[in-house]
N, C-alpha and C. Protein backbone atom coordinates (compact mmCIF):
# COMPACT_ATOMS: atom_id res chain seq x y z
N UNK A 1 -12.27 16.76 6.50
CA UNK A 1 -10.86 16.50 6.63
C UNK A 1 -10.38 17.12 7.93
N UNK A 2 -9.59 16.37 8.67
CA UNK A 2 -9.08 16.87 9.94
C UNK A 2 -7.58 17.05 9.86
N UNK A 3 -7.08 17.92 10.69
CA UNK A 3 -5.64 18.14 10.76
C UNK A 3 -5.12 17.37 11.96
N UNK A 4 -4.25 16.42 11.72
CA UNK A 4 -3.63 15.64 12.80
C UNK A 4 -2.20 16.09 12.95
N UNK A 5 -1.87 16.67 14.08
CA UNK A 5 -0.49 17.09 14.34
C UNK A 5 0.11 16.11 15.33
N UNK A 6 1.10 15.40 14.89
CA UNK A 6 1.74 14.42 15.76
C UNK A 6 3.25 14.57 15.63
N UNK A 7 3.95 14.24 16.67
CA UNK A 7 5.40 14.27 16.66
C UNK A 7 5.88 12.95 17.26
N UNK A 8 6.80 12.33 16.57
CA UNK A 8 7.43 11.13 17.10
C UNK A 8 8.49 11.61 18.08
N UNK A 9 8.21 11.46 19.36
CA UNK A 9 9.09 12.04 20.38
C UNK A 9 10.42 11.33 20.49
N UNK A 10 10.50 10.06 20.08
CA UNK A 10 11.79 9.38 20.13
C UNK A 10 12.74 9.94 19.09
N UNK A 11 12.25 10.19 17.89
CA UNK A 11 13.14 10.68 16.82
C UNK A 11 13.08 12.19 16.68
N UNK A 12 12.03 12.82 17.24
CA UNK A 12 11.88 14.26 17.10
C UNK A 12 11.34 14.67 15.74
N UNK A 13 10.95 13.70 14.92
CA UNK A 13 10.46 13.98 13.57
C UNK A 13 9.00 14.38 13.63
N UNK A 14 8.68 15.46 12.95
CA UNK A 14 7.30 15.91 12.86
C UNK A 14 6.59 15.06 11.82
N UNK A 15 5.58 14.31 12.25
CA UNK A 15 4.83 13.47 11.33
C UNK A 15 3.43 14.04 11.14
N UNK A 16 3.36 15.36 11.08
CA UNK A 16 2.08 16.02 10.87
C UNK A 16 1.48 15.58 9.55
N UNK A 17 0.18 15.55 9.51
CA UNK A 17 -0.47 15.16 8.27
C UNK A 17 -1.82 15.83 8.16
N UNK A 18 -2.24 16.05 6.95
CA UNK A 18 -3.61 16.49 6.68
C UNK A 18 -4.24 15.36 5.89
N UNK A 19 -4.92 14.49 6.60
CA UNK A 19 -5.54 13.32 6.01
C UNK A 19 -6.96 13.24 6.53
N UNK A 20 -7.63 12.19 6.21
CA UNK A 20 -9.00 12.02 6.66
C UNK A 20 -9.06 11.22 7.96
N UNK A 21 -8.13 11.50 8.87
CA UNK A 21 -8.12 10.83 10.15
C UNK A 21 -7.28 9.58 10.20
N UNK A 22 -6.66 9.20 9.09
CA UNK A 22 -5.89 7.96 9.06
C UNK A 22 -4.41 8.20 9.33
N UNK A 23 -3.97 9.45 9.29
CA UNK A 23 -2.61 9.80 9.67
C UNK A 23 -1.54 9.39 8.68
N UNK A 24 -0.33 9.75 9.03
CA UNK A 24 0.83 9.46 8.18
C UNK A 24 1.22 8.00 8.32
N UNK A 25 1.69 7.45 7.25
CA UNK A 25 2.12 6.06 7.26
C UNK A 25 3.62 5.95 7.09
N UNK A 26 4.09 4.75 6.83
CA UNK A 26 5.52 4.53 6.64
C UNK A 26 6.02 5.20 5.37
N UNK A 27 7.33 5.38 5.29
CA UNK A 27 7.93 6.01 4.12
C UNK A 27 7.86 5.07 2.91
N UNK A 28 8.05 5.63 1.72
CA UNK A 28 8.11 4.80 0.52
C UNK A 28 9.23 3.77 0.63
N UNK A 29 10.35 4.16 1.23
CA UNK A 29 11.47 3.23 1.41
C UNK A 29 11.04 2.03 2.25
N UNK A 30 10.28 2.28 3.32
CA UNK A 30 9.81 1.18 4.17
C UNK A 30 8.85 0.26 3.42
N UNK A 31 7.99 0.84 2.58
CA UNK A 31 7.06 0.03 1.79
C UNK A 31 7.85 -0.84 0.81
N UNK A 32 8.83 -0.25 0.14
CA UNK A 32 9.65 -1.03 -0.80
C UNK A 32 10.42 -2.14 -0.09
N UNK A 33 10.94 -1.86 1.10
CA UNK A 33 11.64 -2.89 1.87
C UNK A 33 10.70 -4.02 2.25
N UNK A 34 9.47 -3.68 2.68
CA UNK A 34 8.49 -4.72 3.02
C UNK A 34 8.25 -5.64 1.82
N UNK A 35 8.25 -5.04 0.63
CA UNK A 35 7.97 -5.79 -0.59
C UNK A 35 9.22 -6.38 -1.23
N UNK A 36 10.31 -6.43 -0.47
CA UNK A 36 11.53 -7.06 -0.96
C UNK A 36 12.25 -6.25 -2.03
N UNK A 37 12.00 -4.94 -2.08
CA UNK A 37 12.59 -4.07 -3.10
C UNK A 37 12.37 -4.60 -4.50
N UNK A 38 11.15 -5.09 -4.71
CA UNK A 38 10.77 -5.58 -6.04
C UNK A 38 9.28 -5.36 -6.24
N UNK A 39 8.87 -5.43 -7.49
CA UNK A 39 7.46 -5.29 -7.82
C UNK A 39 6.68 -6.44 -7.20
N UNK A 40 5.64 -6.12 -6.47
CA UNK A 40 4.83 -7.15 -5.81
C UNK A 40 4.03 -7.97 -6.81
N UNK A 41 3.89 -7.48 -8.02
CA UNK A 41 3.08 -8.19 -9.03
C UNK A 41 3.92 -9.12 -9.90
N UNK A 42 5.10 -8.64 -10.37
CA UNK A 42 5.88 -9.49 -11.27
C UNK A 42 7.33 -9.72 -10.84
N UNK A 43 7.76 -9.12 -9.72
CA UNK A 43 9.10 -9.36 -9.21
C UNK A 43 10.20 -8.50 -9.81
N UNK A 44 9.85 -7.60 -10.71
CA UNK A 44 10.85 -6.72 -11.32
C UNK A 44 11.51 -5.85 -10.25
N UNK A 45 12.78 -5.52 -10.46
CA UNK A 45 13.51 -4.66 -9.52
C UNK A 45 13.81 -3.29 -10.12
N UNK A 46 13.27 -3.02 -11.30
CA UNK A 46 13.57 -1.77 -12.00
C UNK A 46 12.39 -0.80 -11.98
N UNK A 47 12.70 0.49 -11.86
CA UNK A 47 11.72 1.58 -11.96
C UNK A 47 10.52 1.33 -11.05
N UNK A 48 10.82 1.21 -9.75
CA UNK A 48 9.78 0.88 -8.77
C UNK A 48 9.02 2.12 -8.31
N UNK A 49 7.71 1.97 -8.18
CA UNK A 49 6.81 3.02 -7.69
C UNK A 49 6.08 2.48 -6.47
N UNK A 50 5.59 3.37 -5.62
CA UNK A 50 4.70 2.96 -4.54
C UNK A 50 3.28 3.36 -4.95
N UNK A 51 2.45 2.36 -5.14
CA UNK A 51 1.08 2.51 -5.64
C UNK A 51 0.11 2.58 -4.47
N UNK A 52 -0.86 3.49 -4.55
CA UNK A 52 -1.95 3.58 -3.58
C UNK A 52 -3.10 2.71 -4.07
N UNK A 53 -3.46 1.69 -3.31
CA UNK A 53 -4.51 0.77 -3.72
C UNK A 53 -5.87 1.47 -3.78
N UNK A 54 -6.18 2.28 -2.77
CA UNK A 54 -7.34 3.18 -2.85
C UNK A 54 -6.79 4.45 -3.47
N UNK A 55 -7.32 4.88 -4.60
CA UNK A 55 -6.77 6.06 -5.27
C UNK A 55 -6.68 7.27 -4.34
N UNK A 56 -5.61 8.03 -4.50
CA UNK A 56 -5.42 9.20 -3.65
C UNK A 56 -6.55 10.21 -3.82
N UNK A 57 -7.23 10.18 -4.95
CA UNK A 57 -8.37 11.08 -5.15
C UNK A 57 -9.51 10.75 -4.19
N UNK A 58 -9.48 9.55 -3.60
CA UNK A 58 -10.50 9.14 -2.64
C UNK A 58 -10.17 9.52 -1.22
N UNK A 59 -9.10 10.27 -1.02
CA UNK A 59 -8.65 10.64 0.33
C UNK A 59 -7.22 10.17 0.53
N UNK A 60 -6.44 10.96 1.19
CA UNK A 60 -5.03 10.64 1.36
C UNK A 60 -4.86 9.57 2.43
N UNK A 61 -4.87 8.34 2.05
CA UNK A 61 -4.68 7.21 2.96
C UNK A 61 -3.26 6.69 2.77
N UNK A 62 -2.38 7.03 3.70
CA UNK A 62 -0.97 6.66 3.59
C UNK A 62 -0.61 5.44 4.44
N UNK A 63 -1.62 4.71 4.91
CA UNK A 63 -1.35 3.50 5.70
C UNK A 63 -0.61 2.47 4.85
N UNK A 64 0.15 1.61 5.51
CA UNK A 64 0.90 0.57 4.82
C UNK A 64 -0.01 -0.37 4.03
N UNK A 65 -1.19 -0.64 4.55
CA UNK A 65 -2.12 -1.56 3.87
C UNK A 65 -2.63 -0.99 2.56
N UNK A 66 -2.53 0.32 2.38
CA UNK A 66 -3.02 0.96 1.16
C UNK A 66 -1.92 1.16 0.13
N UNK A 67 -0.69 0.81 0.46
CA UNK A 67 0.43 1.10 -0.44
C UNK A 67 1.20 -0.17 -0.75
N UNK A 68 1.61 -0.31 -2.01
CA UNK A 68 2.32 -1.51 -2.44
C UNK A 68 3.29 -1.12 -3.56
N UNK A 69 4.39 -1.84 -3.64
CA UNK A 69 5.42 -1.57 -4.63
C UNK A 69 5.07 -2.22 -5.96
N UNK A 70 5.08 -1.41 -7.02
CA UNK A 70 4.87 -1.91 -8.37
C UNK A 70 5.93 -1.30 -9.29
N UNK A 71 6.36 -2.05 -10.30
CA UNK A 71 7.24 -1.48 -11.31
C UNK A 71 6.40 -0.58 -12.22
N UNK A 72 7.06 0.23 -13.02
CA UNK A 72 6.34 1.17 -13.90
C UNK A 72 5.37 0.43 -14.83
N UNK A 73 5.80 -0.71 -15.38
CA UNK A 73 4.94 -1.47 -16.29
C UNK A 73 3.66 -1.92 -15.58
N UNK A 74 3.81 -2.54 -14.40
CA UNK A 74 2.64 -3.03 -13.66
C UNK A 74 1.79 -1.89 -13.14
N UNK A 75 2.43 -0.79 -12.76
CA UNK A 75 1.67 0.37 -12.29
C UNK A 75 0.76 0.89 -13.41
N UNK A 76 1.29 0.98 -14.64
CA UNK A 76 0.46 1.39 -15.78
C UNK A 76 -0.65 0.37 -16.03
N UNK A 77 -0.30 -0.93 -15.96
CA UNK A 77 -1.30 -1.96 -16.19
C UNK A 77 -2.46 -1.82 -15.20
N UNK A 78 -2.14 -1.62 -13.92
CA UNK A 78 -3.16 -1.48 -12.89
C UNK A 78 -4.11 -0.32 -13.22
N UNK A 79 -3.56 0.81 -13.63
CA UNK A 79 -4.40 1.98 -13.92
C UNK A 79 -5.16 1.85 -15.24
N UNK A 80 -4.66 1.05 -16.17
CA UNK A 80 -5.35 0.86 -17.45
C UNK A 80 -6.33 -0.32 -17.43
N UNK A 81 -6.27 -1.13 -16.39
CA UNK A 81 -7.14 -2.31 -16.27
C UNK A 81 -7.78 -2.36 -14.89
N UNK A 82 -8.58 -1.34 -14.55
CA UNK A 82 -9.09 -1.24 -13.17
C UNK A 82 -9.96 -2.42 -12.74
N UNK A 83 -10.74 -2.98 -13.63
CA UNK A 83 -11.61 -4.08 -13.23
C UNK A 83 -10.78 -5.31 -12.86
N UNK A 84 -9.83 -5.68 -13.71
CA UNK A 84 -8.96 -6.82 -13.41
C UNK A 84 -8.10 -6.54 -12.19
N UNK A 85 -7.58 -5.31 -12.09
CA UNK A 85 -6.73 -4.94 -10.95
C UNK A 85 -7.50 -4.98 -9.64
N UNK A 86 -8.77 -4.60 -9.67
CA UNK A 86 -9.60 -4.68 -8.47
C UNK A 86 -9.81 -6.14 -8.07
N UNK A 87 -10.06 -6.98 -9.04
CA UNK A 87 -10.24 -8.41 -8.77
C UNK A 87 -9.01 -9.07 -8.16
N UNK A 88 -7.83 -8.53 -8.47
CA UNK A 88 -6.58 -9.09 -7.95
C UNK A 88 -6.10 -8.37 -6.69
N UNK A 89 -6.82 -7.34 -6.24
CA UNK A 89 -6.46 -6.64 -5.01
C UNK A 89 -5.49 -5.48 -5.18
N UNK A 90 -5.09 -5.19 -6.41
CA UNK A 90 -4.16 -4.07 -6.64
C UNK A 90 -4.87 -2.73 -6.51
N UNK A 91 -6.17 -2.73 -6.77
CA UNK A 91 -7.00 -1.54 -6.60
C UNK A 91 -8.11 -1.92 -5.62
N UNK A 92 -8.40 -1.01 -4.70
CA UNK A 92 -9.43 -1.24 -3.69
C UNK A 92 -10.46 -0.12 -3.79
N UNK A 93 -11.73 -0.48 -3.75
CA UNK A 93 -12.80 0.51 -3.81
C UNK A 93 -12.72 1.46 -2.62
N UNK A 94 -13.09 2.69 -2.83
CA UNK A 94 -13.04 3.72 -1.78
C UNK A 94 -13.86 3.34 -0.55
N UNK A 95 -14.87 2.51 -0.74
CA UNK A 95 -15.75 2.12 0.36
C UNK A 95 -15.21 0.94 1.15
N UNK A 96 -14.07 0.39 0.74
CA UNK A 96 -13.49 -0.78 1.41
C UNK A 96 -12.22 -0.41 2.16
N UNK A 97 -11.88 -1.23 3.13
CA UNK A 97 -10.65 -1.05 3.90
C UNK A 97 -9.56 -1.90 3.25
N UNK A 98 -8.48 -1.30 2.75
CA UNK A 98 -7.44 -2.10 2.09
C UNK A 98 -6.80 -3.13 3.00
N UNK A 99 -6.85 -2.92 4.32
CA UNK A 99 -6.28 -3.90 5.26
C UNK A 99 -7.06 -5.22 5.24
N UNK A 100 -8.27 -5.20 4.68
CA UNK A 100 -9.11 -6.40 4.64
C UNK A 100 -9.19 -7.04 3.26
N UNK A 101 -8.51 -6.45 2.27
CA UNK A 101 -8.57 -6.94 0.90
C UNK A 101 -7.26 -7.64 0.56
N UNK A 102 -7.30 -8.95 0.29
CA UNK A 102 -6.07 -9.70 0.00
C UNK A 102 -5.50 -9.36 -1.38
N UNK A 103 -4.22 -9.60 -1.53
CA UNK A 103 -3.53 -9.37 -2.79
C UNK A 103 -2.56 -10.54 -3.02
N UNK A 104 -2.40 -10.94 -4.27
CA UNK A 104 -1.45 -12.00 -4.61
C UNK A 104 -0.08 -11.35 -4.78
N UNK A 105 0.78 -11.54 -3.80
CA UNK A 105 2.10 -10.91 -3.74
C UNK A 105 3.15 -11.89 -4.23
N UNK A 106 4.04 -11.45 -5.10
CA UNK A 106 5.04 -12.33 -5.70
C UNK A 106 5.94 -12.99 -4.66
N UNK A 107 6.15 -12.36 -3.51
CA UNK A 107 7.01 -12.96 -2.48
C UNK A 107 6.34 -14.11 -1.74
N UNK A 108 5.01 -14.21 -1.84
CA UNK A 108 4.26 -15.26 -1.16
C UNK A 108 3.41 -16.00 -2.19
N UNK A 109 4.03 -16.87 -2.99
CA UNK A 109 3.30 -17.54 -4.08
C UNK A 109 2.28 -18.58 -3.62
N UNK A 110 2.30 -18.95 -2.34
CA UNK A 110 1.37 -19.97 -1.85
C UNK A 110 -0.07 -19.49 -1.79
N UNK A 111 -0.28 -18.18 -1.84
CA UNK A 111 -1.63 -17.68 -1.78
C UNK A 111 -1.67 -16.22 -1.42
N UNK A 112 -2.86 -15.66 -1.39
CA UNK A 112 -2.99 -14.23 -1.13
C UNK A 112 -2.57 -13.86 0.29
N UNK A 113 -2.18 -12.59 0.42
CA UNK A 113 -1.77 -12.04 1.71
C UNK A 113 -2.53 -10.76 1.99
N UNK A 114 -2.54 -10.37 3.26
CA UNK A 114 -3.08 -9.09 3.67
C UNK A 114 -1.91 -8.18 4.02
N UNK A 115 -1.96 -6.95 3.58
CA UNK A 115 -0.96 -5.96 3.94
C UNK A 115 -1.42 -5.33 5.24
N UNK A 116 -0.58 -5.37 6.26
CA UNK A 116 -0.98 -4.87 7.57
C UNK A 116 -0.37 -3.51 7.84
N UNK A 117 -1.04 -2.75 8.68
CA UNK A 117 -0.54 -1.43 9.04
C UNK A 117 0.50 -1.51 10.14
N UNK A 118 0.38 -2.51 10.99
CA UNK A 118 1.33 -2.65 12.09
C UNK A 118 2.69 -3.08 11.54
N UNK A 119 3.68 -2.25 11.74
CA UNK A 119 5.06 -2.48 11.30
C UNK A 119 5.15 -2.70 9.79
N UNK A 120 4.21 -2.16 9.03
CA UNK A 120 4.19 -2.32 7.57
C UNK A 120 4.42 -3.79 7.22
N UNK A 121 3.63 -4.66 7.79
CA UNK A 121 3.84 -6.09 7.64
C UNK A 121 2.91 -6.75 6.65
N UNK A 122 3.05 -8.04 6.60
CA UNK A 122 2.25 -8.89 5.72
C UNK A 122 1.83 -10.11 6.51
N UNK A 123 0.58 -10.55 6.34
CA UNK A 123 0.15 -11.79 6.97
C UNK A 123 -0.58 -12.63 5.94
N UNK A 124 -0.50 -13.94 6.10
CA UNK A 124 -1.17 -14.86 5.20
C UNK A 124 -2.67 -14.70 5.38
N UNK A 125 -3.38 -14.58 4.26
CA UNK A 125 -4.83 -14.42 4.30
C UNK A 125 -5.48 -15.76 4.65
N UNK A 126 -6.37 -15.74 5.62
CA UNK A 126 -7.04 -16.96 6.08
C UNK A 126 -8.49 -17.02 5.58
N UNK A 127 -8.76 -16.39 4.44
CA UNK A 127 -10.12 -16.31 3.94
C UNK A 127 -10.59 -17.53 3.32
């Protein structure tokens, strides 16, 4: 584990982090905004959580591609159904890069999307 000390010089905010080299990511508010302030799995707007697709026990990966908004019900479902959740992209194996694993997001019903780290964005999966 490495210590990354960084400061955003425009805002003066200390974005120091102790991660495995992946650094600090966007705030939970930014993740929720990217996801339309609703659960990415079922569209609920109540009791929203920011879920880490690669479990935090596998290393603190705070990148946007590793985080997604889920309601409390879907968040419990994901943790109680890891095999199905992995198949749907809600959970990503520690050996995989979440930026490369598509997920079926309720805001994009036409097909799976990739969560990108740049500007906490989303792009249509071309797989």
